[in-house]
Amino acid sequence: MEKLGVVWRSWVSYGEVGCRMEKLGVVWRSWVSYGEVGCRMEKLGVVWRSWVSYGEVGCRMEKLDVVWRSWVSYGEVGCRMEKLGVVWRSWVSYGEVGCRMEELGVVWRSWVSYGGVGCRMEELGVVWRSWVSYGGVGCRMEELGVVWRSWVSYGGVGCRMEELGVVWRSWVSYREVGCPIEKLG
């Protein structure tokens, strides 16, 4: 889109869909393989990678120097926070798990409901919630002011970045690849 000064390039190869938006200084690349969905946002300095396998949902946030990994098996929910040097492992019934660590000044609460896994880390000022529903994986990072939601349906991969005011949706259908950017028209 020359008028907007944006170079948009999309490609599909072995389940991979990519997009480069030079005007925004963001390289966005999403891929799907073995239930894996990833996104790299260079402008924010964050590498976000989520994957689902055997009830496992993970997220790495390099900007925060935190590795967060959650898994669910037989009613068990776990979380490892490397920056804090804490391994937290708990399980309970009714899909809800809570933990308060006063020494670290962190309130951590995780819950599982209809494929949703959530975590609130007050010390970091981040609310993280991931959910899986019909091939959708989402993450909300309030500290960054970004709502990120990716979904896969009939070869479509989408991402909404509210901080950038951009709605990004890519789809593949009979050799067709498209991307509307709603705010920019």
N, C-alpha and C. Protein backbone atom coordinates (compact mmCIF):
# COMPACT_ATOMS: atom_id res chain seq x y z
N MET A 1 0.86 -1.18 0.00
CA MET A 1 0.00 0.00 0.00
C MET A 1 0.89 1.23 0.00
N GLU A 2 1.21 1.73 -1.19
CA GLU A 2 2.18 2.80 -1.31
C GLU A 2 1.70 4.09 -0.65
N LYS A 3 0.42 4.36 -0.73
CA LYS A 3 -0.09 5.62 -0.17
C LYS A 3 0.18 5.72 1.32
N LEU A 4 0.11 4.60 2.00
CA LEU A 4 0.31 4.59 3.45
C LEU A 4 1.78 4.41 3.82
N GLY A 5 2.63 4.23 2.83
CA GLY A 5 4.04 4.02 3.12
C GLY A 5 4.31 2.72 3.83
N VAL A 6 3.52 1.72 3.51
CA VAL A 6 3.64 0.43 4.16
C VAL A 6 3.98 -0.62 3.13
N VAL A 7 4.94 -1.44 3.47
CA VAL A 7 5.24 -2.60 2.64
C VAL A 7 4.64 -3.82 3.31
N TRP A 8 3.74 -4.47 2.63
CA TRP A 8 3.04 -5.63 3.19
C TRP A 8 3.40 -6.84 2.37
N ARG A 9 3.91 -7.83 3.01
CA ARG A 9 4.29 -9.04 2.29
C ARG A 9 3.79 -10.23 3.08
N SER A 10 3.03 -11.08 2.43
CA SER A 10 2.49 -12.26 3.08
C SER A 10 2.91 -13.48 2.29
N TRP A 11 3.18 -14.54 3.01
CA TRP A 11 3.56 -15.77 2.34
C TRP A 11 3.05 -16.96 3.13
N VAL A 12 2.84 -18.03 2.43
CA VAL A 12 2.34 -19.25 3.03
C VAL A 12 3.24 -20.38 2.60
N SER A 13 3.79 -21.08 3.56
CA SER A 13 4.69 -22.18 3.26
C SER A 13 4.71 -23.12 4.46
N TYR A 14 4.22 -24.30 4.29
CA TYR A 14 4.16 -25.28 5.37
C TYR A 14 3.44 -24.69 6.58
N GLY A 15 2.28 -24.11 6.33
CA GLY A 15 1.48 -23.59 7.43
C GLY A 15 1.99 -22.29 8.00
N GLU A 16 2.79 -21.55 7.23
CA GLU A 16 3.38 -20.33 7.76
C GLU A 16 2.79 -19.11 7.07
N VAL A 17 2.45 -18.11 7.86
CA VAL A 17 1.91 -16.86 7.34
C VAL A 17 2.71 -15.73 7.95
N GLY A 18 3.20 -14.83 7.12
CA GLY A 18 4.01 -13.72 7.63
C GLY A 18 3.55 -12.39 7.09
N CYS A 19 3.91 -11.34 7.81
CA CYS A 19 3.53 -9.98 7.40
C CYS A 19 4.58 -9.01 7.93
N ARG A 20 5.04 -8.11 7.07
CA ARG A 20 5.98 -7.08 7.50
C ARG A 20 5.33 -5.71 7.28
N MET A 21 5.24 -4.93 8.33
CA MET A 21 4.67 -3.60 8.23
C MET A 21 5.77 -2.60 8.55
N GLU A 22 6.43 -2.05 7.50
CA GLU A 22 7.60 -1.22 7.74
C GLU A 22 7.22 0.12 8.36
N LYS A 23 6.07 0.66 8.02
CA LYS A 23 5.69 1.95 8.58
C LYS A 23 5.60 1.88 10.10
N LEU A 24 5.12 0.78 10.59
CA LEU A 24 4.98 0.61 12.04
C LEU A 24 6.25 0.08 12.69
N GLY A 25 7.24 -0.25 11.89
CA GLY A 25 8.48 -0.78 12.43
C GLY A 25 8.30 -2.11 13.12
N VAL A 26 7.36 -2.88 12.65
CA VAL A 26 7.04 -4.15 13.28
C VAL A 26 7.20 -5.27 12.27
N VAL A 27 7.85 -6.31 12.68
CA VAL A 27 7.88 -7.53 11.89
C VAL A 27 6.99 -8.53 12.59
N TRP A 28 5.97 -8.96 11.90
CA TRP A 28 5.00 -9.90 12.48
C TRP A 28 5.08 -11.18 11.69
N ARG A 29 5.35 -12.25 12.36
CA ARG A 29 5.46 -13.54 11.69
C ARG A 29 4.74 -14.57 12.53
N SER A 30 3.78 -15.22 11.94
CA SER A 30 3.00 -16.23 12.65
C SER A 30 3.13 -17.55 11.93
N TRP A 31 3.16 -18.60 12.69
CA TRP A 31 3.26 -19.91 12.07
C TRP A 31 2.48 -20.91 12.89
N VAL A 32 2.03 -21.93 12.22
CA VAL A 32 1.24 -22.98 12.85
C VAL A 32 1.85 -24.31 12.45
N SER A 33 2.27 -25.07 13.43
CA SER A 33 2.80 -26.41 13.16
C SER A 33 2.70 -27.21 14.44
N TYR A 34 2.07 -28.34 14.35
CA TYR A 34 1.86 -29.20 15.50
C TYR A 34 1.20 -28.43 16.63
N GLY A 35 0.16 -27.69 16.29
CA GLY A 35 -0.59 -26.97 17.32
C GLY A 35 0.14 -25.77 17.88
N GLU A 36 1.10 -25.22 17.14
CA GLU A 36 1.90 -24.13 17.66
C GLU A 36 1.58 -22.83 16.93
N VAL A 37 1.44 -21.76 17.69
CA VAL A 37 1.19 -20.44 17.13
C VAL A 37 2.21 -19.49 17.73
N GLY A 38 2.91 -18.75 16.88
CA GLY A 38 3.93 -17.84 17.38
C GLY A 38 3.79 -16.46 16.78
N CYS A 39 4.35 -15.47 17.46
CA CYS A 39 4.30 -14.10 16.99
C CYS A 39 5.51 -13.35 17.53
N ARG A 40 6.20 -12.62 16.67
CA ARG A 40 7.33 -11.80 17.10
C ARG A 40 7.00 -10.34 16.81
N MET A 41 7.04 -9.52 17.83
CA MET A 41 6.77 -8.10 17.68
C MET A 41 8.05 -7.35 18.02
N GLU A 42 8.83 -6.97 17.00
CA GLU A 42 10.14 -6.38 17.25
C GLU A 42 10.02 -4.98 17.83
N LYS A 43 9.00 -4.24 17.45
CA LYS A 43 8.87 -2.88 17.96
C LYS A 43 8.74 -2.88 19.48
N LEU A 44 8.04 -3.85 20.00
CA LEU A 44 7.83 -3.94 21.44
C LEU A 44 8.96 -4.66 22.14
N GLY A 45 9.90 -5.22 21.38
CA GLY A 45 11.00 -5.95 21.98
C GLY A 45 10.55 -7.19 22.72
N VAL A 46 9.48 -7.76 22.26
CA VAL A 46 8.91 -8.92 22.93
C VAL A 46 8.84 -10.08 21.95
N VAL A 47 9.27 -11.21 22.40
CA VAL A 47 9.06 -12.44 21.63
C VAL A 47 7.98 -13.23 22.34
N TRP A 48 6.88 -13.45 21.66
CA TRP A 48 5.74 -14.15 22.25
C TRP A 48 5.55 -15.44 21.48
N ARG A 49 5.59 -16.53 22.18
CA ARG A 49 5.42 -17.83 21.53
C ARG A 49 4.51 -18.67 22.40
N SER A 50 3.43 -19.12 21.82
CA SER A 50 2.47 -19.92 22.56
C SER A 50 2.32 -21.25 21.85
N TRP A 51 2.15 -22.27 22.62
CA TRP A 51 1.97 -23.58 22.02
C TRP A 51 1.02 -24.40 22.87
N VAL A 52 0.36 -25.32 22.22
CA VAL A 52 -0.60 -26.18 22.88
C VAL A 52 -0.27 -27.61 22.50
N SER A 53 0.02 -28.42 23.48
CA SER A 53 0.28 -29.84 23.22
C SER A 53 0.04 -30.59 24.51
N TYR A 54 -0.83 -31.55 24.46
CA TYR A 54 -1.18 -32.34 25.63
C TYR A 54 -1.62 -31.44 26.77
N GLY A 55 -2.46 -30.47 26.45
CA GLY A 55 -3.00 -29.59 27.49
C GLY A 55 -2.02 -28.58 28.01
N GLU A 56 -1.00 -28.24 27.23
CA GLU A 56 0.03 -27.33 27.71
C GLU A 56 -0.03 -26.01 26.97
N VAL A 57 0.06 -24.92 27.71
CA VAL A 57 0.07 -23.59 27.14
C VAL A 57 1.28 -22.86 27.70
N GLY A 58 2.09 -22.29 26.82
CA GLY A 58 3.29 -21.60 27.28
C GLY A 58 3.42 -20.22 26.67
N CYS A 59 4.18 -19.37 27.33
CA CYS A 59 4.40 -18.01 26.84
C CYS A 59 5.76 -17.54 27.34
N ARG A 60 6.57 -16.97 26.45
CA ARG A 60 7.85 -16.39 26.83
C ARG A 60 7.81 -14.90 26.55
N MET A 61 8.05 -14.10 27.56
CA MET A 61 8.07 -12.66 27.41
C MET A 61 9.48 -12.17 27.72
N GLU A 62 10.29 -11.93 26.66
CA GLU A 62 11.68 -11.59 26.87
C GLU A 62 11.84 -10.21 27.48
N LYS A 63 10.94 -9.30 27.17
CA LYS A 63 11.06 -7.95 27.72
C LYS A 63 11.03 -7.99 29.25
N LEU A 64 10.24 -8.87 29.79
CA LEU A 64 10.11 -8.97 31.24
C LEU A 64 11.11 -9.94 31.84
N ASP A 65 11.93 -10.59 30.99
CA ASP A 65 12.89 -11.60 31.46
C ASP A 65 12.20 -12.69 32.27
N VAL A 66 11.02 -13.02 31.86
CA VAL A 66 10.26 -14.05 32.57
C VAL A 66 9.92 -15.17 31.60
N VAL A 67 10.15 -16.37 32.04
CA VAL A 67 9.68 -17.53 31.28
C VAL A 67 8.49 -18.08 32.04
N TRP A 68 7.35 -18.09 31.38
CA TRP A 68 6.10 -18.54 32.01
C TRP A 68 5.63 -19.77 31.28
N ARG A 69 5.46 -20.82 31.99
CA ARG A 69 5.01 -22.07 31.37
C ARG A 69 3.94 -22.68 32.26
N SER A 70 2.78 -22.90 31.68
CA SER A 70 1.66 -23.45 32.43
C SER A 70 1.21 -24.74 31.76
N TRP A 71 0.80 -25.66 32.56
CA TRP A 71 0.32 -26.90 31.98
C TRP A 71 -0.83 -27.44 32.83
N VAL A 72 -1.68 -28.20 32.19
CA VAL A 72 -2.85 -28.75 32.85
C VAL A 72 -2.88 -30.24 32.57
N SER A 73 -2.87 -31.03 33.62
CA SER A 73 -2.99 -32.48 33.45
C SER A 73 -3.54 -33.04 34.75
N TYR A 74 -4.66 -33.73 34.65
CA TYR A 74 -5.31 -34.29 35.82
C TYR A 74 -5.55 -33.22 36.87
N GLY A 75 -6.05 -32.07 36.43
CA GLY A 75 -6.40 -31.01 37.37
C GLY A 75 -5.22 -30.27 37.95
N GLU A 76 -4.07 -30.35 37.29
CA GLU A 76 -2.87 -29.73 37.84
C GLU A 76 -2.46 -28.52 37.00
N VAL A 77 -2.10 -27.45 37.66
CA VAL A 77 -1.65 -26.24 36.99
C VAL A 77 -0.32 -25.84 37.60
N GLY A 78 0.67 -25.59 36.75
CA GLY A 78 1.99 -25.21 37.25
C GLY A 78 2.50 -23.97 36.56
N CYS A 79 3.46 -23.32 37.19
CA CYS A 79 4.04 -22.10 36.63
C CYS A 79 5.48 -21.98 37.11
N ARG A 80 6.38 -21.68 36.18
CA ARG A 80 7.78 -21.44 36.54
C ARG A 80 8.13 -20.01 36.16
N MET A 81 8.58 -19.24 37.11
CA MET A 81 8.99 -17.86 36.86
C MET A 81 10.48 -17.75 37.12
N GLU A 82 11.29 -17.77 36.04
CA GLU A 82 12.73 -17.83 36.22
C GLU A 82 13.29 -16.54 36.80
N LYS A 83 12.71 -15.41 36.45
CA LYS A 83 13.22 -14.15 36.97
C LYS A 83 13.13 -14.12 38.49
N LEU A 84 12.06 -14.67 39.02
CA LEU A 84 11.88 -14.70 40.47
C LEU A 84 12.57 -15.88 41.12
N GLY A 85 13.08 -16.81 40.29
CA GLY A 85 13.75 -17.97 40.84
C GLY A 85 12.83 -18.86 41.64
N VAL A 86 11.57 -18.90 41.23
CA VAL A 86 10.57 -19.66 41.97
C VAL A 86 9.96 -20.71 41.05
N VAL A 87 9.84 -21.89 41.56
CA VAL A 87 9.06 -22.92 40.88
C VAL A 87 7.78 -23.11 41.67
N TRP A 88 6.67 -22.89 41.01
CA TRP A 88 5.36 -22.94 41.67
C TRP A 88 4.56 -24.05 41.05
N ARG A 89 4.08 -24.95 41.85
CA ARG A 89 3.31 -26.07 41.32
C ARG A 89 2.16 -26.34 42.29
N SER A 90 0.95 -26.34 41.76
CA SER A 90 -0.22 -26.57 42.60
C SER A 90 -1.30 -27.25 41.78
N TRP A 91 -2.24 -27.79 42.48
CA TRP A 91 -3.39 -28.38 41.79
C TRP A 91 -4.58 -28.36 42.74
N VAL A 92 -5.77 -28.39 42.18
CA VAL A 92 -6.97 -28.30 42.98
C VAL A 92 -8.14 -28.76 42.11
N SER A 93 -9.34 -28.70 42.67
CA SER A 93 -10.52 -29.08 41.92
C SER A 93 -11.29 -27.83 41.49
N TYR A 94 -12.30 -28.03 40.68
CA TYR A 94 -13.11 -26.93 40.14
C TYR A 94 -12.28 -25.98 39.31
N GLY A 95 -11.10 -26.42 38.84
CA GLY A 95 -10.33 -25.65 37.86
C GLY A 95 -9.76 -24.35 38.36
N GLU A 96 -9.79 -24.09 39.68
CA GLU A 96 -9.29 -22.80 40.15
C GLU A 96 -8.13 -23.01 41.11
N VAL A 97 -7.07 -22.26 40.89
CA VAL A 97 -5.89 -22.36 41.74
C VAL A 97 -5.45 -20.96 42.11
N GLY A 98 -5.18 -20.74 43.38
CA GLY A 98 -4.71 -19.42 43.81
C GLY A 98 -3.49 -19.54 44.70
N CYS A 99 -2.66 -18.51 44.70
CA CYS A 99 -1.46 -18.53 45.53
C CYS A 99 -1.04 -17.10 45.84
N ARG A 100 -0.69 -16.84 47.08
CA ARG A 100 -0.17 -15.53 47.46
C ARG A 100 1.21 -15.72 48.06
N MET A 101 2.19 -15.05 47.47
CA MET A 101 3.56 -15.14 47.98
C MET A 101 3.93 -13.77 48.53
N GLU A 102 3.75 -13.57 49.84
CA GLU A 102 3.95 -12.25 50.43
C GLU A 102 5.41 -11.83 50.39
N GLU A 103 6.31 -12.77 50.52
CA GLU A 103 7.73 -12.42 50.52
C GLU A 103 8.13 -11.74 49.21
N LEU A 104 7.53 -12.20 48.11
CA LEU A 104 7.86 -11.63 46.81
C LEU A 104 6.92 -10.48 46.43
N GLY A 105 5.89 -10.26 47.27
CA GLY A 105 4.95 -9.20 46.95
C GLY A 105 4.14 -9.49 45.71
N VAL A 106 3.87 -10.75 45.48
CA VAL A 106 3.16 -11.16 44.27
C VAL A 106 1.90 -11.90 44.66
N VAL A 107 0.82 -11.55 43.99
CA VAL A 107 -0.40 -12.33 44.10
C VAL A 107 -0.56 -13.07 42.78
N TRP A 108 -0.60 -14.36 42.87
CA TRP A 108 -0.68 -15.21 41.67
C TRP A 108 -1.95 -16.01 41.75
N ARG A 109 -2.75 -15.93 40.74
CA ARG A 109 -4.00 -16.68 40.71
C ARG A 109 -4.19 -17.24 39.32
N SER A 110 -4.36 -18.54 39.25
CA SER A 110 -4.55 -19.20 37.97
C SER A 110 -5.88 -19.92 37.99
N TRP A 111 -6.49 -19.96 36.84
CA TRP A 111 -7.77 -20.66 36.76
C TRP A 111 -7.89 -21.32 35.40
N VAL A 112 -8.68 -22.37 35.38
CA VAL A 112 -8.93 -23.13 34.16
C VAL A 112 -10.43 -23.25 34.00
N SER A 113 -10.94 -22.81 32.87
CA SER A 113 -12.37 -22.84 32.62
C SER A 113 -12.60 -22.86 31.11
N TYR A 114 -13.12 -23.95 30.62
CA TYR A 114 -13.40 -24.07 29.19
C TYR A 114 -12.15 -23.77 28.37
N GLY A 115 -11.03 -24.39 28.74
CA GLY A 115 -9.81 -24.23 27.95
C GLY A 115 -9.08 -22.93 28.21
N GLY A 116 -9.43 -22.21 29.28
CA GLY A 116 -8.73 -20.95 29.56
C GLY A 116 -7.75 -21.12 30.70
N VAL A 117 -6.60 -20.53 30.57
CA VAL A 117 -5.58 -20.53 31.62
C VAL A 117 -5.19 -19.08 31.86
N GLY A 118 -5.21 -18.66 33.10
CA GLY A 118 -4.90 -17.26 33.38
C GLY A 118 -3.89 -17.12 34.49
N CYS A 119 -3.21 -15.98 34.52
CA CYS A 119 -2.22 -15.72 35.56
C CYS A 119 -2.15 -14.21 35.78
N ARG A 120 -2.20 -13.79 37.01
CA ARG A 120 -2.05 -12.38 37.34
C ARG A 120 -0.82 -12.22 38.21
N MET A 121 0.10 -11.41 37.76
CA MET A 121 1.33 -11.14 38.52
C MET A 121 1.33 -9.67 38.86
N GLU A 122 0.89 -9.33 40.08
CA GLU A 122 0.73 -7.92 40.43
C GLU A 122 2.07 -7.21 40.53
N GLU A 123 3.10 -7.89 40.96
CA GLU A 123 4.40 -7.23 41.09
C GLU A 123 4.88 -6.72 39.74
N LEU A 124 4.59 -7.48 38.69
CA LEU A 124 5.02 -7.08 37.36
C LEU A 124 4.00 -6.18 36.67
N GLY A 125 2.83 -6.00 37.30
CA GLY A 125 1.81 -5.17 36.69
C GLY A 125 1.27 -5.76 35.40
N VAL A 126 1.23 -7.05 35.32
CA VAL A 126 0.81 -7.72 34.09
C VAL A 126 -0.34 -8.65 34.40
N VAL A 127 -1.35 -8.57 33.59
CA VAL A 127 -2.42 -9.57 33.62
C VAL A 127 -2.28 -10.41 32.37
N TRP A 128 -2.09 -11.68 32.57
CA TRP A 128 -1.85 -12.61 31.46
C TRP A 128 -2.97 -13.63 31.46
N ARG A 129 -3.65 -13.73 30.36
CA ARG A 129 -4.72 -14.72 30.25
C ARG A 129 -4.64 -15.36 28.88
N SER A 130 -4.55 -16.66 28.88
CA SER A 130 -4.48 -17.40 27.63
C SER A 130 -5.67 -18.32 27.56
N TRP A 131 -6.20 -18.49 26.38
CA TRP A 131 -7.33 -19.38 26.24
C TRP A 131 -7.23 -20.10 24.91
N VAL A 132 -7.83 -21.26 24.88
CA VAL A 132 -7.84 -22.09 23.68
C VAL A 132 -9.29 -22.47 23.42
N SER A 133 -9.79 -22.14 22.26
CA SER A 133 -11.17 -22.42 21.91
C SER A 133 -11.30 -22.44 20.40
N TYR A 134 -11.60 -23.58 19.88
CA TYR A 134 -11.74 -23.72 18.43
C TYR A 134 -10.51 -23.19 17.71
N GLY A 135 -9.33 -23.61 18.17
CA GLY A 135 -8.09 -23.23 17.48
C GLY A 135 -7.65 -21.81 17.78
N GLY A 136 -8.21 -21.16 18.80
CA GLY A 136 -7.80 -19.79 19.12
C GLY A 136 -6.89 -19.76 20.33
N VAL A 137 -5.86 -18.96 20.27
CA VAL A 137 -4.95 -18.76 21.39
C VAL A 137 -4.83 -17.26 21.60
N GLY A 138 -5.03 -16.81 22.82
CA GLY A 138 -4.99 -15.37 23.07
C GLY A 138 -4.13 -15.03 24.27
N CYS A 139 -3.68 -13.80 24.32
CA CYS A 139 -2.85 -13.33 25.43
C CYS A 139 -3.10 -11.84 25.61
N ARG A 140 -3.33 -11.41 26.83
CA ARG A 140 -3.51 -9.99 27.12
C ARG A 140 -2.38 -9.55 28.04
N MET A 141 -1.63 -8.56 27.61
CA MET A 141 -0.54 -8.03 28.42
C MET A 141 -0.86 -6.57 28.69
N GLU A 142 -1.43 -6.30 29.88
CA GLU A 142 -1.89 -4.95 30.17
C GLU A 142 -0.73 -3.97 30.31
N GLU A 143 0.41 -4.42 30.80
CA GLU A 143 1.54 -3.52 30.96
C GLU A 143 1.96 -2.93 29.61
N LEU A 144 1.86 -3.74 28.58
CA LEU A 144 2.24 -3.27 27.25
C LEU A 144 1.09 -2.60 26.52
N GLY A 145 -0.12 -2.65 27.11
CA GLY A 145 -1.27 -2.05 26.45
C GLY A 145 -1.63 -2.73 25.16
N VAL A 146 -1.39 -4.00 25.08
CA VAL A 146 -1.62 -4.75 23.85
C VAL A 146 -2.57 -5.89 24.14
N VAL A 147 -3.55 -6.03 23.29
CA VAL A 147 -4.39 -7.22 23.31
C VAL A 147 -4.03 -8.04 22.08
N TRP A 148 -3.59 -9.24 22.31
CA TRP A 148 -3.11 -10.11 21.24
C TRP A 148 -4.00 -11.33 21.20
N ARG A 149 -4.59 -11.58 20.07
CA ARG A 149 -5.44 -12.75 19.93
C ARG A 149 -5.19 -13.35 18.56
N SER A 150 -4.84 -14.61 18.57
CA SER A 150 -4.59 -15.31 17.32
C SER A 150 -5.58 -16.44 17.20
N TRP A 151 -6.02 -16.68 16.01
CA TRP A 151 -6.96 -17.76 15.82
C TRP A 151 -6.69 -18.42 14.48
N VAL A 152 -7.07 -19.67 14.40
CA VAL A 152 -6.89 -20.46 13.19
C VAL A 152 -8.23 -21.09 12.85
N SER A 153 -8.73 -20.80 11.68
CA SER A 153 -9.97 -21.40 11.22
C SER A 153 -9.98 -21.39 9.70
N TYR A 154 -10.06 -22.55 9.13
CA TYR A 154 -10.06 -22.66 7.67
C TYR A 154 -8.86 -21.95 7.08
N GLY A 155 -7.68 -22.18 7.65
CA GLY A 155 -6.46 -21.60 7.08
C GLY A 155 -6.28 -20.13 7.38
N GLY A 156 -7.03 -19.58 8.33
CA GLY A 156 -6.88 -18.16 8.66
C GLY A 156 -6.11 -17.97 9.95
N VAL A 157 -5.22 -17.00 9.97
CA VAL A 157 -4.49 -16.64 11.18
C VAL A 157 -4.66 -15.15 11.37
N GLY A 158 -5.04 -14.73 12.56
CA GLY A 158 -5.29 -13.30 12.77
C GLY A 158 -4.63 -12.81 14.04
N CYS A 159 -4.43 -11.52 14.11
CA CYS A 159 -3.82 -10.91 15.29
C CYS A 159 -4.36 -9.49 15.44
N ARG A 160 -4.76 -9.11 16.63
CA ARG A 160 -5.23 -7.75 16.90
C ARG A 160 -4.27 -7.09 17.87
N MET A 161 -3.71 -5.98 17.47
CA MET A 161 -2.79 -5.23 18.32
C MET A 161 -3.42 -3.88 18.58
N GLU A 162 -4.08 -3.73 19.75
CA GLU A 162 -4.82 -2.51 20.02
C GLU A 162 -3.90 -1.31 20.20
N GLU A 163 -2.72 -1.52 20.76
CA GLU A 163 -1.81 -0.40 20.98
C GLU A 163 -1.47 0.27 19.65
N LEU A 164 -1.34 -0.53 18.62
CA LEU A 164 -1.00 0.02 17.31
C LEU A 164 -2.23 0.44 16.53
N GLY A 165 -3.43 0.15 17.08
CA GLY A 165 -4.65 0.51 16.39
C GLY A 165 -4.82 -0.23 15.08
N VAL A 166 -4.33 -1.44 15.02
CA VAL A 166 -4.36 -2.21 13.79
C VAL A 166 -5.08 -3.52 14.03
N VAL A 167 -5.96 -3.83 13.12
CA VAL A 167 -6.57 -5.15 13.10
C VAL A 167 -5.98 -5.91 11.93
N TRP A 168 -5.35 -7.01 12.22
CA TRP A 168 -4.63 -7.78 11.21
C TRP A 168 -5.28 -9.13 11.09
N ARG A 169 -5.68 -9.48 9.90
CA ARG A 169 -6.27 -10.79 9.68
C ARG A 169 -5.82 -11.30 8.33
N SER A 170 -5.26 -12.48 8.34
CA SER A 170 -4.80 -13.09 7.10
C SER A 170 -5.56 -14.37 6.88
N TRP A 171 -5.86 -14.65 5.65
CA TRP A 171 -6.57 -15.88 5.36
C TRP A 171 -6.09 -16.43 4.02
N VAL A 172 -6.26 -17.72 3.86
CA VAL A 172 -5.84 -18.41 2.65
C VAL A 172 -7.03 -19.20 2.13
N SER A 173 -7.41 -18.96 0.91
CA SER A 173 -8.53 -19.66 0.31
C SER A 173 -8.35 -19.66 -1.20
N TYR A 174 -8.07 -20.81 -1.75
CA TYR A 174 -7.90 -20.92 -3.20
C TYR A 174 -6.89 -19.90 -3.71
N ARG A 175 -5.68 -19.95 -3.14
CA ARG A 175 -4.56 -19.10 -3.53
C ARG A 175 -4.75 -17.65 -3.14
N GLU A 176 -5.69 -17.37 -2.29
CA GLU A 176 -5.94 -15.98 -1.92
C GLU A 176 -5.36 -15.69 -0.55
N VAL A 177 -4.59 -14.63 -0.45
CA VAL A 177 -4.03 -14.19 0.83
C VAL A 177 -4.38 -12.72 0.98
N GLY A 178 -5.00 -12.37 2.10
CA GLY A 178 -5.40 -10.98 2.26
C GLY A 178 -5.12 -10.46 3.64
N CYS A 179 -5.06 -9.15 3.78
CA CYS A 179 -4.85 -8.53 5.08
C CYS A 179 -5.50 -7.16 5.08
N PRO A 180 -6.62 -6.97 5.79
CA PRO A 180 -7.17 -5.62 5.94
C PRO A 180 -6.62 -4.96 7.19
N ILE A 181 -6.25 -3.69 7.09
CA ILE A 181 -5.81 -2.92 8.26
C ILE A 181 -6.89 -1.87 8.47
N GLU A 182 -7.76 -2.11 9.46
CA GLU A 182 -9.00 -1.35 9.55
C GLU A 182 -8.77 0.12 9.89
N LYS A 183 -7.87 0.38 10.83
CA LYS A 183 -7.70 1.77 11.24
C LYS A 183 -7.14 2.62 10.10
N LEU A 184 -6.23 2.02 9.33
CA LEU A 184 -5.62 2.74 8.23
C LEU A 184 -6.50 2.77 6.99
N GLY A 185 -7.61 1.98 7.04
CA GLY A 185 -8.51 1.96 5.92
C GLY A 185 -7.97 1.15 4.76
